[in-house]
Amino acid sequence: MMRRQVSPRLWSIFLVVLATLWVLEDISRQVACQPSTICLTPLVYLLLLGDYAYRLAKGIASGTRQQGVGSSSGSRWRWFVLPAGLALVVSALAIPWPMTVRFSLSREAFEQKVAEVLADRTDQGAQRIGLYWVERVDVGPGEYVRFVTGESIIDPVGFAYDPTRPPSHPFNRHIAGNWYAKEW
């Protein structure tokens, strides 16, 4: 009975999975994270880390260490959920792989939309393109096309098809070919 109380509870596992998916989805859709992700997620992870550390210390103090923390095979996996979730989030913050993967899966739809918009030379409103909800599509000079997918704290963010190949920086990240993730 004591072993069950020591391993992380299901509510904390659910919260880890939910927070991790939230951050990965936020990173996958734009260059800059939403204020709610920047402010709320660290607090959630601190709460979860505190619970994790408390349960680990409680397990060691109660002598379950010789049997292995949370040694029942049904609950051992619970100890790996938080470290795995944190590793995914830290790696996604360091290298925005969720955005790259999601855009790669949507690239063909974006390229079809570029061809359509450049043929008409007209801006378009809100629509789904690939795996993204795009608020608007703007045609710029030459072959420049802007896809606004959301807002950061101040500016619109999204993707741009830009054959001029501007230099890459944090608010103008090269994705592939003539595609850039941008904050305007």
Protein backbone atom coordinates (compact mmCIF):
# COMPACT_ATOMS: atom_id res chain seq x y z
CA MET A 1 0.00 0.00 0.00
CA MET A 2 2.85 2.36 0.75
CA ARG A 3 4.38 1.80 -2.68
CA ARG A 4 1.27 3.15 -4.39
CA GLN A 5 1.38 6.37 -2.41
CA VAL A 6 5.05 6.99 -3.21
CA SER A 7 4.94 6.90 -7.01
CA PRO A 8 3.60 10.00 -8.84
CA ARG A 9 -0.17 10.13 -8.91
CA LEU A 10 -2.25 9.94 -12.04
CA TRP A 11 -3.32 13.60 -11.75
CA SER A 12 0.34 14.65 -12.00
CA ILE A 13 0.90 12.33 -14.97
CA PHE A 14 -2.16 13.81 -16.68
CA LEU A 15 -0.93 17.36 -15.95
CA VAL A 16 2.55 16.57 -17.33
CA VAL A 17 1.10 15.17 -20.55
CA LEU A 18 -1.33 18.09 -20.91
CA ALA A 19 1.33 20.77 -20.26
CA THR A 20 3.81 19.07 -22.60
CA LEU A 21 1.28 18.81 -25.43
CA TRP A 22 0.25 22.44 -24.86
CA VAL A 23 3.83 23.70 -25.14
CA LEU A 24 4.63 21.51 -28.16
CA GLU A 25 1.49 22.70 -29.97
CA ASP A 26 2.29 26.34 -29.17
CA ILE A 27 5.85 25.97 -30.43
CA SER A 28 4.61 24.18 -33.56
CA ARG A 29 2.43 27.05 -34.72
CA GLN A 30 4.58 30.16 -34.51
CA VAL A 31 7.95 31.76 -33.92
CA ALA A 32 7.17 33.32 -30.53
CA CYS A 33 5.39 31.49 -27.70
CA GLN A 34 2.09 32.82 -26.37
CA PRO A 35 2.19 34.77 -23.07
CA SER A 36 0.13 32.04 -21.41
CA THR A 37 2.76 29.46 -22.35
CA ILE A 38 5.61 31.68 -21.19
CA CYS A 39 3.97 32.49 -17.83
CA LEU A 40 1.81 29.50 -16.91
CA THR A 41 3.83 26.51 -18.08
CA PRO A 42 6.89 27.15 -15.86
CA LEU A 43 4.58 27.38 -12.83
CA VAL A 44 2.89 24.09 -13.71
CA TYR A 45 6.25 22.36 -14.19
CA LEU A 46 7.56 23.79 -10.89
CA LEU A 47 4.50 22.37 -9.12
CA LEU A 48 5.05 19.01 -10.78
CA LEU A 49 8.79 19.02 -10.00
CA GLY A 50 7.97 19.78 -6.34
CA ASP A 51 5.51 16.89 -6.20
CA TYR A 52 8.02 14.62 -7.95
CA ALA A 53 10.84 15.56 -5.53
CA TYR A 54 8.54 15.15 -2.51
CA ARG A 55 7.44 11.68 -3.59
CA LEU A 56 11.00 10.65 -4.40
CA ALA A 57 12.23 11.83 -0.98
CA LYS A 58 9.26 10.16 0.74
CA GLY A 59 10.03 6.89 -1.03
CA ILE A 60 13.68 7.02 -0.04
CA ALA A 61 12.84 7.96 3.56
CA SER A 62 10.30 5.17 3.95
CA GLY A 63 12.83 2.56 2.95
CA THR A 64 11.38 1.56 -0.40
CA ARG A 65 14.70 2.32 -2.02
CA GLN A 66 16.05 -1.18 -1.47
CA GLN A 67 13.07 -2.50 -3.43
CA GLY A 68 13.28 0.30 -6.00
CA VAL A 69 11.26 3.50 -5.85
CA GLY A 70 7.69 2.69 -6.79
CA SER A 71 8.81 -0.87 -7.28
CA SER A 72 5.50 -2.33 -8.34
CA SER A 73 5.86 -2.88 -12.07
CA GLY A 74 2.51 -1.21 -12.71
CA SER A 75 3.65 2.16 -11.35
CA ARG A 76 7.34 2.28 -12.28
CA TRP A 77 6.58 3.97 -15.63
CA ARG A 78 5.12 6.96 -13.75
CA TRP A 79 8.62 8.05 -12.70
CA PHE A 80 9.66 8.53 -16.32
CA VAL A 81 6.77 10.72 -17.50
CA LEU A 82 7.94 14.04 -15.99
CA PRO A 83 11.59 13.75 -17.11
CA ALA A 84 10.46 12.72 -20.60
CA GLY A 85 7.99 15.63 -20.78
CA LEU A 86 10.62 18.10 -19.62
CA ALA A 87 13.14 16.73 -22.13
CA LEU A 88 10.63 17.16 -24.97
CA VAL A 89 9.82 20.75 -23.92
CA VAL A 90 13.46 21.78 -23.43
CA SER A 91 14.47 20.28 -26.77
CA ALA A 92 11.54 22.01 -28.49
CA LEU A 93 12.48 25.35 -26.95
CA ALA A 94 16.11 24.95 -28.00
CA ILE A 95 15.35 23.76 -31.53
CA PRO A 96 11.74 24.32 -32.69
CA TRP A 97 11.35 20.82 -34.11
CA PRO A 98 7.55 20.71 -33.56
CA MET A 99 7.13 23.67 -35.93
CA THR A 100 9.47 22.11 -38.49
CA VAL A 101 7.64 18.77 -38.39
CA ARG A 102 4.18 20.33 -38.56
CA PHE A 103 5.20 22.66 -41.39
CA SER A 104 6.85 19.81 -43.30
CA LEU A 105 3.58 17.88 -43.15
CA SER A 106 1.74 21.00 -44.41
CA ARG A 107 4.29 22.26 -46.94
CA GLU A 108 2.57 20.88 -50.03
CA ALA A 109 -0.70 22.62 -49.10
CA PHE A 110 1.17 25.89 -48.51
CA GLU A 111 2.92 25.62 -51.88
CA GLN A 112 -0.40 25.01 -53.63
CA LYS A 113 -1.80 28.10 -51.91
CA VAL A 114 1.24 30.18 -52.99
CA ALA A 115 0.67 29.18 -56.63
CA GLU A 116 -3.03 30.03 -56.35
CA VAL A 117 -2.46 33.40 -54.65
CA LEU A 118 0.35 34.46 -57.01
CA ALA A 119 -1.85 33.62 -60.02
CA ASP A 120 -4.71 35.80 -58.69
CA ARG A 121 -2.54 38.44 -56.91
CA THR A 122 -5.29 38.83 -54.29
CA ASP A 123 -5.19 38.61 -50.50
CA GLN A 124 -7.32 35.96 -48.81
CA GLY A 125 -9.03 35.63 -45.44
CA ALA A 126 -9.10 32.96 -42.74
CA GLN A 127 -8.79 29.34 -43.84
CA ARG A 128 -7.17 26.01 -43.00
CA ILE A 129 -3.99 25.24 -44.91
CA GLY A 130 -2.50 21.84 -44.15
CA LEU A 131 -2.32 21.43 -40.36
CA TYR A 132 -2.53 25.20 -39.71
CA TRP A 133 -5.33 27.65 -39.23
CA VAL A 134 -4.27 30.72 -41.20
CA GLU A 135 -5.92 34.03 -40.28
CA ARG A 136 -5.02 35.72 -43.55
CA VAL A 137 -2.87 35.37 -46.66
CA ASP A 138 -1.22 38.53 -48.00
CA VAL A 139 0.51 38.96 -51.34
CA GLY A 140 3.57 41.18 -51.23
CA PRO A 141 5.87 42.58 -53.89
CA GLY A 142 7.31 40.10 -56.36
CA GLU A 143 6.64 36.53 -55.27
CA TYR A 144 6.45 37.27 -51.54
CA VAL A 145 3.44 35.66 -49.81
CA ARG A 146 2.68 36.03 -46.10
CA PHE A 147 0.60 33.54 -44.08
CA VAL A 148 -0.46 34.96 -40.69
CA THR A 149 -1.13 32.11 -38.24
CA GLY A 150 -1.46 34.08 -35.00
CA GLU A 151 -0.16 36.85 -32.80
CA SER A 152 2.80 37.04 -30.45
CA ILE A 153 2.70 39.49 -27.55
CA ILE A 154 2.75 42.42 -30.00
CA ASP A 155 3.19 41.36 -33.61
CA PRO A 156 1.58 38.93 -36.04
CA VAL A 157 3.45 35.68 -36.65
CA GLY A 158 3.33 33.00 -39.30
CA PHE A 159 5.09 31.81 -42.43
CA ALA A 160 6.40 33.59 -45.47
CA TYR A 161 7.28 32.37 -48.91
CA ASP A 162 10.19 34.62 -49.84
CA PRO A 163 12.39 33.78 -52.86
CA THR A 164 14.75 36.71 -52.03
CA ARG A 165 16.18 34.63 -49.14
CA PRO A 166 16.51 37.23 -46.37
CA PRO A 167 19.10 36.62 -43.63
CA SER A 168 18.00 34.33 -40.81
CA HIS A 169 17.58 35.68 -37.26
CA PRO A 170 15.30 34.79 -34.29
CA PHE A 171 12.24 36.49 -35.82
CA ASN A 172 12.95 35.31 -39.34
CA ARG A 173 13.82 31.62 -39.07
CA HIS A 174 14.56 29.67 -42.24
CA ILE A 175 12.53 26.45 -42.42
CA ALA A 176 13.12 24.96 -45.86
CA GLY A 177 13.65 26.20 -49.41
CA ASN A 178 12.05 29.64 -49.71
CA TRP A 179 10.02 29.22 -46.51
CA TYR A 180 10.52 31.21 -43.32
CA ALA A 181 8.82 31.34 -39.94
CA LYS A 182 8.42 35.05 -39.19
CA GLU A 183 7.28 37.61 -36.70
CA TRP A 184 6.37 40.86 -38.46
